[in-house]
PDB file of N, CA and C in Angstrom:
ATOM      1  N   MET A   1      -6.680  -9.268 -15.634  1.00  0.00           N
ATOM      2  CA  MET A   1      -8.075  -9.264 -15.281  1.00  0.00           C
ATOM      3  C   MET A   1      -8.209  -9.241 -13.762  1.00  0.00           C
ATOM      4  N   ALA A   2      -8.922  -8.298 -13.253  1.00  0.00           N
ATOM      5  CA  ALA A   2      -9.156  -8.199 -11.815  1.00  0.00           C
ATOM      6  C   ALA A   2     -10.541  -8.756 -11.494  1.00  0.00           C
ATOM      7  N   TYR A   3     -10.629  -9.432 -10.361  1.00  0.00           N
ATOM      8  CA  TYR A   3     -11.913  -9.997  -9.938  1.00  0.00           C
ATOM      9  C   TYR A   3     -11.919 -10.159  -8.432  1.00  0.00           C
ATOM     10  N   ILE A   4     -13.098 -10.417  -7.884  1.00  0.00           N
ATOM     11  CA  ILE A   4     -13.262 -10.636  -6.457  1.00  0.00           C
ATOM     12  C   ILE A   4     -13.038 -12.116  -6.182  1.00  0.00           C
ATOM     13  N   ARG A   5     -12.165 -12.406  -5.218  1.00  0.00           N
ATOM     14  CA  ARG A   5     -11.886 -13.792  -4.834  1.00  0.00           C
ATOM     15  C   ARG A   5     -12.226 -13.950  -3.365  1.00  0.00           C
ATOM     16  N   TYR A   6     -12.949 -15.012  -3.067  1.00  0.00           N
ATOM     17  CA  TYR A   6     -13.303 -15.307  -1.685  1.00  0.00           C
ATOM     18  C   TYR A   6     -12.420 -16.422  -1.157  1.00  0.00           C
ATOM     19  N   LYS A   7     -11.907 -16.224   0.035  1.00  0.00           N
ATOM     20  CA  LYS A   7     -11.139 -17.251   0.728  1.00  0.00           C
ATOM     21  C   LYS A   7     -11.807 -17.382   2.091  1.00  0.00           C
ATOM     22  N   GLY A   8     -12.612 -18.414   2.228  1.00  0.00           N
ATOM     23  CA  GLY A   8     -13.470 -18.512   3.400  1.00  0.00           C
ATOM     24  C   GLY A   8     -14.492 -17.392   3.320  1.00  0.00           C
ATOM     25  N   PRO A   9     -14.769 -16.720   4.417  1.00  0.00           N
ATOM     26  CA  PRO A   9     -15.744 -15.630   4.385  1.00  0.00           C
ATOM     27  C   PRO A   9     -15.133 -14.277   4.021  1.00  0.00           C
ATOM     28  N   TYR A  10     -13.859 -14.250   3.639  1.00  0.00           N
ATOM     29  CA  TYR A  10     -13.158 -12.999   3.377  1.00  0.00           C
ATOM     30  C   TYR A  10     -12.974 -12.779   1.880  1.00  0.00           C
ATOM     31  N   ALA A  11     -13.093 -11.507   1.467  1.00  0.00           N
ATOM     32  CA  ALA A  11     -13.029 -11.164   0.049  1.00  0.00           C
ATOM     33  C   ALA A  11     -11.795 -10.316  -0.256  1.00  0.00           C
ATOM     34  N   TYR A  12     -11.218 -10.566  -1.431  1.00  0.00           N
ATOM     35  CA  TYR A  12     -10.042  -9.845  -1.917  1.00  0.00           C
ATOM     36  C   TYR A  12     -10.288  -9.425  -3.363  1.00  0.00           C
ATOM     37  N   LEU A  13      -9.725  -8.303  -3.753  1.00  0.00           N
ATOM     38  CA  LEU A  13      -9.667  -7.918  -5.156  1.00  0.00           C
ATOM     39  C   LEU A  13      -8.314  -8.393  -5.653  1.00  0.00           C
ATOM     40  N   VAL A  14      -8.313  -9.315  -6.597  1.00  0.00           N
ATOM     41  CA  VAL A  14      -7.063  -9.876  -7.095  1.00  0.00           C
ATOM     42  C   VAL A  14      -6.929  -9.651  -8.587  1.00  0.00           C
ATOM     43  N   TYR A  15      -5.692  -9.685  -9.039  1.00  0.00           N
ATOM     44  CA  TYR A  15      -5.357  -9.508 -10.453  1.00  0.00           C
ATOM     45  C   TYR A  15      -4.474 -10.675 -10.853  1.00  0.00           C
ATOM     46  N   THR A  16      -4.775 -11.291 -11.971  1.00  0.00           N
ATOM     47  CA  THR A  16      -3.951 -12.401 -12.441  1.00  0.00           C
ATOM     48  C   THR A  16      -2.971 -11.893 -13.490  1.00  0.00           C
ATOM     49  N   GLU A  17      -1.754 -12.415 -13.415  1.00  0.00           N
ATOM     50  CA  GLU A  17      -0.732 -12.019 -14.378  1.00  0.00           C
ATOM     51  C   GLU A  17       0.146 -13.224 -14.706  1.00  0.00           C
ATOM     52  N   ARG A  18       0.713 -13.180 -15.885  1.00  0.00           N
ATOM     53  CA  ARG A  18       1.600 -14.243 -16.365  1.00  0.00           C
ATOM     54  C   ARG A  18       2.884 -13.580 -16.842  1.00  0.00           C
ATOM     55  N   PHE A  19       4.025 -14.120 -16.415  1.00  0.00           N
ATOM     56  CA  PHE A  19       5.313 -13.499 -16.714  1.00  0.00           C
ATOM     57  C   PHE A  19       6.062 -14.218 -17.832  1.00  0.00           C
ATOM     58  N   GLY A  20       5.413 -14.474 -18.939  1.00  0.00           N
ATOM     59  CA  GLY A  20       6.108 -15.110 -20.052  1.00  0.00           C
ATOM     60  C   GLY A  20       5.357 -16.320 -20.564  1.00  0.00           C
ATOM     61  N   GLU A  21       5.759 -16.779 -21.711  1.00  0.00           N
ATOM     62  CA  GLU A  21       5.131 -17.931 -22.371  1.00  0.00           C
ATOM     63  C   GLU A  21       5.316 -19.184 -21.523  1.00  0.00           C
ATOM     64  N   GLY A  22       4.233 -19.852 -21.225  1.00  0.00           N
ATOM     65  CA  GLY A  22       4.292 -21.115 -20.514  1.00  0.00           C
ATOM     66  C   GLY A  22       4.478 -21.007 -19.014  1.00  0.00           C
ATOM     67  N   SER A  23       4.543 -19.790 -18.482  1.00  0.00           N
ATOM     68  CA  SER A  23       4.722 -19.653 -17.033  1.00  0.00           C
ATOM     69  C   SER A  23       3.371 -19.767 -16.323  1.00  0.00           C
ATOM     70  N   LYS A  24       3.430 -20.017 -15.038  1.00  0.00           N
ATOM     71  CA  LYS A  24       2.214 -20.150 -14.253  1.00  0.00           C
ATOM     72  C   LYS A  24       1.551 -18.791 -14.052  1.00  0.00           C
ATOM     73  N   VAL A  25       0.257 -18.829 -13.858  1.00  0.00           N
ATOM     74  CA  VAL A  25      -0.489 -17.618 -13.551  1.00  0.00           C
ATOM     75  C   VAL A  25      -0.287 -17.297 -12.079  1.00  0.00           C
ATOM     76  N   ARG A  26      -0.012 -16.026 -11.783  1.00  0.00           N
ATOM     77  CA  ARG A  26       0.178 -15.592 -10.399  1.00  0.00           C
ATOM     78  C   ARG A  26      -0.896 -14.575 -10.046  1.00  0.00           C
ATOM     79  N   GLN A  27      -1.371 -14.626  -8.823  1.00  0.00           N
ATOM     80  CA  GLN A  27      -2.369 -13.680  -8.359  1.00  0.00           C
ATOM     81  C   GLN A  27      -1.714 -12.602  -7.513  1.00  0.00           C
ATOM     82  N   LYS A  28      -2.087 -11.361  -7.788  1.00  0.00           N
ATOM     83  CA  LYS A  28      -1.608 -10.227  -7.006  1.00  0.00           C
ATOM     84  C   LYS A  28      -2.825  -9.643  -6.287  1.00  0.00           C
ATOM     85  N   VAL A  29      -2.743  -9.532  -4.971  1.00  0.00           N
ATOM     86  CA  VAL A  29      -3.843  -8.961  -4.199  1.00  0.00           C
ATOM     87  C   VAL A  29      -3.766  -7.442  -4.315  1.00  0.00           C
ATOM     88  N   LEU A  30      -4.840  -6.857  -4.841  1.00  0.00           N
ATOM     89  CA  LEU A  30      -4.897  -5.411  -4.995  1.00  0.00           C
ATOM     90  C   LEU A  30      -5.561  -4.737  -3.801  1.00  0.00           C
ATOM     91  N   TYR A  31      -6.518  -5.444  -3.178  1.00  0.00           N
ATOM     92  CA  TYR A  31      -7.244  -4.857  -2.054  1.00  0.00           C
ATOM     93  C   TYR A  31      -7.890  -5.955  -1.222  1.00  0.00           C
ATOM     94  N   TYR A  32      -7.891  -5.782   0.091  1.00  0.00           N
ATOM     95  CA  TYR A  32      -8.550  -6.706   1.009  1.00  0.00           C
ATOM     96  C   TYR A  32      -9.840  -6.055   1.482  1.00  0.00           C
ATOM     97  N   PHE A  33     -10.979  -6.705   1.209  1.00  0.00           N
ATOM     98  CA  PHE A  33     -12.280  -6.163   1.611  1.00  0.00           C
ATOM     99  C   PHE A  33     -12.713  -6.627   3.002  1.00  0.00           C
ATOM    100  N   GLY A  34     -12.325  -7.808   3.390  1.00  0.00           N
ATOM    101  CA  GLY A  34     -12.810  -8.371   4.638  1.00  0.00           C
ATOM    102  C   GLY A  34     -14.079  -9.172   4.362  1.00  0.00           C
ATOM    103  N   ARG A  35     -15.040  -9.075   5.233  1.00  0.00           N
ATOM    104  CA  ARG A  35     -16.268  -9.869   5.099  1.00  0.00           C
ATOM    105  C   ARG A  35     -17.283  -9.253   4.139  1.00  0.00           C
ATOM    106  N   GLU A  36     -17.215  -7.960   3.892  1.00  0.00           N
ATOM    107  CA  GLU A  36     -18.194  -7.304   3.021  1.00  0.00           C
ATOM    108  C   GLU A  36     -17.498  -6.575   1.885  1.00  0.00           C
ATOM    109  N   VAL A  37     -17.979  -6.815   0.677  1.00  0.00           N
ATOM    110  CA  VAL A  37     -17.433  -6.146  -0.501  1.00  0.00           C
ATOM    111  C   VAL A  37     -18.168  -4.823  -0.680  1.00  0.00           C
ATOM    112  N   ALA A  38     -17.439  -3.738  -0.563  1.00  0.00           N
ATOM    113  CA  ALA A  38     -17.999  -2.402  -0.769  1.00  0.00           C
ATOM    114  C   ALA A  38     -17.019  -1.626  -1.640  1.00  0.00           C
ATOM    115  N   ILE A  39     -17.385  -1.467  -2.904  1.00  0.00           N
ATOM    116  CA  ILE A  39     -16.516  -0.739  -3.832  1.00  0.00           C
ATOM    117  C   ILE A  39     -16.919   0.732  -3.783  1.00  0.00           C
ATOM    118  N   THR A  40     -16.133   1.495  -3.049  1.00  0.00           N
ATOM    119  CA  THR A  40     -16.413   2.918  -2.873  1.00  0.00           C
ATOM    120  C   THR A  40     -15.394   3.734  -3.660  1.00  0.00           C
ATOM    121  N   ASP A  41     -15.617   5.035  -3.684  1.00  0.00           N
ATOM    122  CA  ASP A  41     -14.668   5.930  -4.361  1.00  0.00           C
ATOM    123  C   ASP A  41     -13.297   5.870  -3.694  1.00  0.00           C
ATOM    124  N   GLU A  42     -13.283   5.687  -2.377  1.00  0.00           N
ATOM    125  CA  GLU A  42     -12.017   5.600  -1.654  1.00  0.00           C
ATOM    126  C   GLU A  42     -11.240   4.344  -2.047  1.00  0.00           C
ATOM    127  N   VAL A  43     -11.953   3.221  -2.204  1.00  0.00           N
ATOM    128  CA  VAL A  43     -11.309   1.965  -2.621  1.00  0.00           C
ATOM    129  C   VAL A  43     -10.720   2.131  -4.013  1.00  0.00           C
ATOM    130  N   ILE A  44     -11.499   2.700  -4.922  1.00  0.00           N
ATOM    131  CA  ILE A  44     -11.044   2.895  -6.297  1.00  0.00           C
ATOM    132  C   ILE A  44      -9.798   3.790  -6.319  1.00  0.00           C
ATOM    133  N   ALA A  45      -9.838   4.890  -5.568  1.00  0.00           N
ATOM    134  CA  ALA A  45      -8.692   5.807  -5.536  1.00  0.00           C
ATOM    135  C   ALA A  45      -7.450   5.131  -4.961  1.00  0.00           C
ATOM    136  N   GLU A  46      -7.615   4.330  -3.904  1.00  0.00           N
ATOM    137  CA  GLU A  46      -6.473   3.646  -3.283  1.00  0.00           C
ATOM    138  C   GLU A  46      -5.845   2.629  -4.229  1.00  0.00           C
ATOM    139  N   VAL A  47      -6.682   1.834  -4.888  1.00  0.00           N
ATOM    140  CA  VAL A  47      -6.163   0.814  -5.812  1.00  0.00           C
ATOM    141  C   VAL A  47      -5.487   1.479  -7.003  1.00  0.00           C
ATOM    142  N   GLU A  48      -6.106   2.513  -7.558  1.00  0.00           N
ATOM    143  CA  GLU A  48      -5.514   3.193  -8.714  1.00  0.00           C
ATOM    144  C   GLU A  48      -4.205   3.900  -8.347  1.00  0.00           C
ATOM    145  N   ALA A  49      -4.085   4.379  -7.117  1.00  0.00           N
ATOM    146  CA  ALA A  49      -2.838   5.029  -6.691  1.00  0.00           C
ATOM    147  C   ALA A  49      -1.721   4.008  -6.479  1.00  0.00           C
ATOM    148  N   LYS A  50      -2.054   2.851  -5.909  1.00  0.00           N
ATOM    149  CA  LYS A  50      -1.040   1.827  -5.641  1.00  0.00           C
ATOM    150  C   LYS A  50      -0.631   1.059  -6.894  1.00  0.00           C
ATOM    151  N   PHE A  51      -1.582   0.872  -7.816  1.00  0.00           N
ATOM    152  CA  PHE A  51      -1.333   0.062  -9.012  1.00  0.00           C
ATOM    153  C   PHE A  51      -1.766   0.826 -10.267  1.00  0.00           C
ATOM    154  N   PRO A  52      -1.044   1.887 -10.638  1.00  0.00           N
ATOM    155  CA  PRO A  52      -1.454   2.698 -11.795  1.00  0.00           C
ATOM    156  C   PRO A  52      -1.353   1.960 -13.127  1.00  0.00           C
ATOM    157  N   ASP A  53      -0.544   0.905 -13.198  1.00  0.00           N
ATOM    158  CA  ASP A  53      -0.363   0.177 -14.453  1.00  0.00           C
ATOM    159  C   ASP A  53      -1.420  -0.910 -14.672  1.00  0.00           C
ATOM    160  N   ILE A  54      -2.300  -1.136 -13.700  1.00  0.00           N
ATOM    161  CA  ILE A  54      -3.320  -2.180 -13.820  1.00  0.00           C
ATOM    162  C   ILE A  54      -4.677  -1.529 -14.061  1.00  0.00           C
ATOM    163  N   GLU A  55      -5.343  -1.949 -15.141  1.00  0.00           N
ATOM    164  CA  GLU A  55      -6.679  -1.450 -15.441  1.00  0.00           C
ATOM    165  C   GLU A  55      -7.705  -2.370 -14.811  1.00  0.00           C
ATOM    166  N   VAL A  56      -8.642  -1.783 -14.087  1.00  0.00           N
ATOM    167  CA  VAL A  56      -9.699  -2.552 -13.434  1.00  0.00           C
ATOM    168  C   VAL A  56     -11.033  -2.095 -13.998  1.00  0.00           C
ATOM    169  N   ASP A  57     -11.869  -3.041 -14.405  1.00  0.00           N
ATOM    170  CA  ASP A  57     -13.211  -2.733 -14.897  1.00  0.00           C
ATOM    171  C   ASP A  57     -14.131  -2.597 -13.686  1.00  0.00           C
ATOM    172  N   TRP A  58     -14.157  -1.404 -13.093  1.00  0.00           N
ATOM    173  CA  TRP A  58     -14.926  -1.197 -11.862  1.00  0.00           C
ATOM    174  C   TRP A  58     -16.413  -1.413 -12.078  1.00  0.00           C
ATOM    175  N   GLY A  59     -16.922  -1.035 -13.233  1.00  0.00           N
ATOM    176  CA  GLY A  59     -18.347  -1.239 -13.512  1.00  0.00           C
ATOM    177  C   GLY A  59     -18.703  -2.714 -13.553  1.00  0.00           C
ATOM    178  N   GLY A  60     -17.835  -3.503 -14.156  1.00  0.00           N
ATOM    179  CA  GLY A  60     -18.069  -4.945 -14.214  1.00  0.00           C
ATOM    180  C   GLY A  60     -17.972  -5.594 -12.848  1.00  0.00           C
ATOM    181  N   LEU A  61     -17.048  -5.117 -12.020  1.00  0.00           N
ATOM    182  CA  LEU A  61     -16.922  -5.653 -10.667  1.00  0.00           C
ATOM    183  C   LEU A  61     -18.140  -5.308  -9.832  1.00  0.00           C
ATOM    184  N   SER A  62     -18.611  -4.083  -9.949  1.00  0.00           N
ATOM    185  CA  SER A  62     -19.772  -3.679  -9.163  1.00  0.00           C
ATOM    186  C   SER A  62     -20.990  -4.510  -9.523  1.00  0.00           C
ATOM    187  N   ALA A  63     -21.175  -4.754 -10.817  1.00  0.00           N
ATOM    188  CA  ALA A  63     -22.314  -5.566 -11.241  1.00  0.00           C
ATOM    189  C   ALA A  63     -22.159  -7.002 -10.763  1.00  0.00           C
ATOM    190  N   ASP A  64     -20.931  -7.507 -10.800  1.00  0.00           N
ATOM    191  CA  ASP A  64     -20.673  -8.889 -10.403  1.00  0.00           C
ATOM    192  C   ASP A  64     -20.841  -9.081  -8.904  1.00  0.00           C
ATOM    193  N   THR A  65     -20.386  -8.123  -8.097  1.00  0.00           N
ATOM    194  CA  THR A  65     -20.447  -8.282  -6.648  1.00  0.00           C
ATOM    195  C   THR A  65     -21.846  -8.064  -6.107  1.00  0.00           C
ATOM    196  N   GLY A  66     -22.712  -7.424  -6.886  1.00  0.00           N
ATOM    197  CA  GLY A  66     -24.074  -7.186  -6.415  1.00  0.00           C
ATOM    198  C   GLY A  66     -24.808  -8.473  -6.097  1.00  0.00           C
ATOM    199  N   ARG A  67     -24.489  -9.535  -6.804  1.00  0.00           N
ATOM    200  CA  ARG A  67     -25.152 -10.819  -6.557  1.00  0.00           C
ATOM    201  C   ARG A  67     -24.772 -11.391  -5.209  1.00  0.00           C
ATOM    202  N   PHE A  68     -23.583 -11.043  -4.719  1.00  0.00           N
ATOM    203  CA  PHE A  68     -23.074 -11.661  -3.508  1.00  0.00           C
ATOM    204  C   PHE A  68     -22.916 -10.662  -2.372  1.00  0.00           C
ATOM    205  N   SER A  69     -23.604  -9.529  -2.450  1.00  0.00           N
ATOM    206  CA  SER A  69     -23.393  -8.545  -1.387  1.00  0.00           C
ATOM    207  C   SER A  69     -23.747  -9.167  -0.048  1.00  0.00           C
ATOM    208  N   GLY A  70     -22.849  -9.028   0.894  1.00  0.00           N
ATOM    209  CA  GLY A  70     -23.047  -9.620   2.197  1.00  0.00           C
ATOM    210  C   GLY A  70     -22.192 -10.854   2.395  1.00  0.00           C
ATOM    211  N   GLY A  71     -21.524 -11.327   1.363  1.00  0.00           N
ATOM    212  CA  GLY A  71     -20.652 -12.482   1.526  1.00  0.00           C
ATOM    213  C   GLY A  71     -20.536 -13.291   0.268  1.00  0.00           C
ATOM    214  N   PRO A  72     -19.772 -14.355   0.323  1.00  0.00           N
ATOM    215  CA  PRO A  72     -19.562 -15.192  -0.848  1.00  0.00           C
ATOM    216  C   PRO A  72     -20.803 -15.987  -1.187  1.00  0.00           C
ATOM    217  N   PRO A  73     -20.851 -16.581  -2.377  1.00  0.00           N
ATOM    218  CA  PRO A  73     -21.999 -17.392  -2.752  1.00  0.00           C
ATOM    219  C   PRO A  73     -22.229 -18.485  -1.708  1.00  0.00           C
ATOM    220  N   GLY A  74     -23.473 -18.636  -1.293  1.00  0.00           N
ATOM    221  CA  GLY A  74     -23.786 -19.648  -0.295  1.00  0.00           C
ATOM    222  C   GLY A  74     -23.214 -19.319   1.061  1.00  0.00           C
ATOM    223  N   SER A  75     -23.069 -18.020   1.361  1.00  0.00           N
ATOM    224  CA  SER A  75     -22.389 -17.630   2.591  1.00  0.00           C
ATOM    225  C   SER A  75     -23.115 -18.107   3.843  1.00  0.00           C
ATOM    226  N   GLY A  76     -24.366 -18.471   3.722  1.00  0.00           N
ATOM    227  CA  GLY A  76     -25.070 -19.003   4.868  1.00  0.00           C
ATOM    228  C   GLY A  76     -24.514 -20.340   5.312  1.00  0.00           C
ATOM    229  N   ASP A  77     -23.783 -21.007   4.426  1.00  0.00           N
ATOM    230  CA  ASP A  77     -23.209 -22.305   4.740  1.00  0.00           C
ATOM    231  C   ASP A  77     -21.816 -22.217   5.348  1.00  0.00           C
ATOM    232  N   TRP A  78     -21.237 -21.013   5.405  1.00  0.00           N
ATOM    233  CA  TRP A  78     -19.883 -20.856   5.930  1.00  0.00           C
ATOM    234  C   TRP A  78     -19.891 -20.945   7.444  1.00  0.00           C
ATOM    235  N   LEU A  79     -18.825 -21.423   8.005  1.00  0.00           N
ATOM    236  CA  LEU A  79     -18.667 -21.436   9.450  1.00  0.00           C
ATOM    237  C   LEU A  79     -18.419 -20.014   9.933  1.00  0.00           C
ATOM    238  N   GLU A  80     -18.871 -19.724  11.100  1.00  0.00           N
ATOM    239  CA  GLU A  80     -18.578 -18.417  11.684  1.00  0.00           C
ATOM    240  C   GLU A  80     -17.201 -18.463  12.305  1.00  0.00           C
ATOM    241  N   TRP A  81     -16.302 -17.607  11.860  1.00  0.00           N
ATOM    242  CA  TRP A  81     -14.926 -17.604  12.322  1.00  0.00           C
ATOM    243  C   TRP A  81     -14.704 -16.665  13.490  1.00  0.00           C
ATOM    244  N   ASP A  82     -15.477 -15.627  13.561  1.00  0.00           N
ATOM    245  CA  ASP A  82     -15.249 -14.630  14.621  1.00  0.00           C
ATOM    246  C   ASP A  82     -16.287 -14.768  15.700  1.00  0.00           C
TER     247      ASP A  82
END
């Protein structure tokens, strides 16, 4: 399952995977967005070229990120880093 993860004011497209029964879940970073999440055709093409074995629900991500366009939830409360 791929989803948008925020670490501070920065956003990443990550994929969770498990390598066997009882093993820990590991996150693989598929794409670094920076401060603004913009899912463009170029982003989709780059991720699909680098990770052809991972299926990403781009429609679901676009709908999900629309709520937070401009930053993470409550981004007005984040410290300015730059």
